[in-house]
Protein backbone atom coordinates (compact mmCIF):
# COMPACT_ATOMS: atom_id res chain seq x y z
CA MET A 1 91.66 96.59 125.92
CA ALA A 2 91.69 99.08 128.80
CA ILE A 3 89.24 101.88 129.00
CA ASP A 4 90.82 105.31 128.61
CA TYR A 5 88.79 107.37 131.09
CA SER A 6 90.77 110.49 130.24
CA VAL A 7 89.43 110.31 126.66
CA ILE A 8 85.92 109.76 127.88
CA GLY A 9 86.34 112.65 130.28
CA GLU A 10 87.50 115.00 127.51
CA ARG A 11 84.49 114.05 125.31
CA LEU A 12 82.09 114.69 128.25
CA LYS A 13 83.79 118.04 128.89
CA LYS A 14 83.44 119.00 125.19
CA ALA A 15 79.77 117.95 125.19
CA ARG A 16 79.12 119.93 128.38
CA LYS A 17 80.72 123.07 126.96
CA ASN A 18 78.78 122.61 123.69
CA LYS A 19 75.57 122.74 125.73
CA HIS A 20 76.86 125.81 127.61
CA PHE A 21 76.76 124.15 131.01
CA THR A 22 79.27 124.90 133.72
CA GLN A 23 80.61 122.07 135.86
CA GLU A 24 78.58 123.40 138.69
CA GLU A 25 75.33 123.36 136.69
CA LEU A 26 75.88 119.85 135.38
CA ALA A 27 77.02 118.53 138.74
CA GLU A 28 73.73 119.94 140.31
CA LYS A 29 71.56 118.38 137.63
CA ILE A 30 73.07 114.92 138.15
CA ASP A 31 73.37 115.29 141.87
CA VAL A 32 77.16 114.92 142.27
CA SER A 33 79.83 117.24 143.64
CA ILE A 34 81.72 119.59 141.37
CA ALA A 35 84.91 117.89 142.42
CA PHE A 36 83.63 114.46 141.33
CA LEU A 37 82.50 115.81 137.89
CA SER A 38 85.87 117.47 137.49
CA ARG A 39 87.63 114.12 138.26
CA ILE A 40 85.43 112.42 135.63
CA GLU A 41 86.41 115.06 133.06
CA ARG A 42 90.05 114.66 133.90
CA GLY A 43 89.77 110.91 133.69
CA SER A 44 90.96 110.38 137.24
CA SER A 45 87.58 108.91 138.31
CA GLN A 46 85.70 106.14 136.59
CA ILE A 47 82.11 106.63 135.43
CA ASN A 48 79.48 103.83 135.52
CA LEU A 49 77.03 103.31 132.74
CA LYS A 50 74.06 104.54 134.67
CA ARG A 51 75.80 107.95 135.37
CA LEU A 52 77.09 108.05 131.81
CA THR A 53 73.59 107.59 130.45
CA GLN A 54 72.27 110.31 132.80
CA ILE A 55 74.93 112.78 131.61
CA CYS A 56 74.43 111.87 127.92
CA GLU A 57 70.68 112.47 128.16
CA LEU A 58 71.23 115.88 129.74
CA LEU A 59 73.91 116.85 127.13
CA GLU A 60 71.89 115.30 124.30
CA VAL A 61 74.78 113.14 123.04
CA SER A 62 74.83 109.37 122.66
CA GLU A 63 76.87 107.05 124.73
CA GLY A 64 78.56 105.99 121.49
CA ASP A 65 79.69 109.53 120.97
CA ILE A 66 81.28 109.59 124.35
CA LEU A 67 82.74 106.04 124.48
CA ASN A 68 83.82 105.71 120.85
CA GLY A 69 84.08 109.21 119.62
CA SER A 70 81.02 108.79 117.38
CA SER A 71 77.63 107.24 117.30
CA SER A 72 77.44 103.72 115.97
CA ASN A 73 75.41 105.02 112.99
CA SER A 74 78.01 107.53 111.84
CA ILE A 75 79.43 106.48 108.41
CA LYS A 76 81.63 109.51 108.36
CA TYR A 77 83.32 108.37 111.61
CA LEU A 78 83.83 104.80 110.33
CA ASN A 79 85.27 106.10 107.04
CA SER A 80 87.67 108.27 108.97
CA GLU A 81 88.74 105.47 111.28
CA PHE A 82 89.17 103.10 108.45
CA ALA A 83 91.25 105.55 106.40
CA ASN A 84 93.47 106.13 109.51
CA LEU A 85 93.87 102.36 109.96
CA LEU A 86 94.81 101.84 106.30
CA LYS A 87 97.22 104.85 106.35
CA ASN A 88 99.37 103.07 108.95
CA CYS A 89 99.61 99.85 107.00
CA SER A 90 102.09 98.79 104.32
CA SER A 91 100.60 98.43 100.79
CA ASP A 92 100.66 94.62 101.11
CA LYS A 93 98.61 94.81 104.30
CA GLN A 94 96.23 97.33 102.64
CA LYS A 95 95.66 94.92 99.81
CA LEU A 96 95.01 92.07 102.26
CA ILE A 97 92.56 94.18 104.23
CA TYR A 98 90.82 95.22 101.01
CA ASP A 99 90.52 91.57 99.87
CA VAL A 100 89.10 90.46 103.21
CA ALA A 101 86.67 93.37 103.34
CA LYS A 102 85.52 92.59 99.79
CA VAL A 103 84.75 88.98 100.75
CA ILE A 104 82.83 90.10 103.88
CA ALA A 105 80.96 92.81 101.97
CA ASN A 106 79.89 90.31 99.27
CA GLN A 107 78.52 87.75 101.72
CA LYS A 108 74.84 87.20 101.64
């Protein structure tokens, strides 16, 4: 599965705006050019994990929020994703998924 850097960039931009940072302020804090930060937010430049962690710490968001759209602990996110998955399946596939999930959930 390919990494969609444009989605990551959009999430970073949203997190930056939520903290009321301009691109210039954030770029200065992480010691990169405004142009580079802009390319990250547009998804035209890749971001490494070290830089991602640095940005996430400043913006007070988890890497999971940025990479997956939610933290790994978010039940609400998983419920939403699961509902979307099921919505796009036929009723036969929904039943099969339910049966498999039931078996997995009941394992000890």
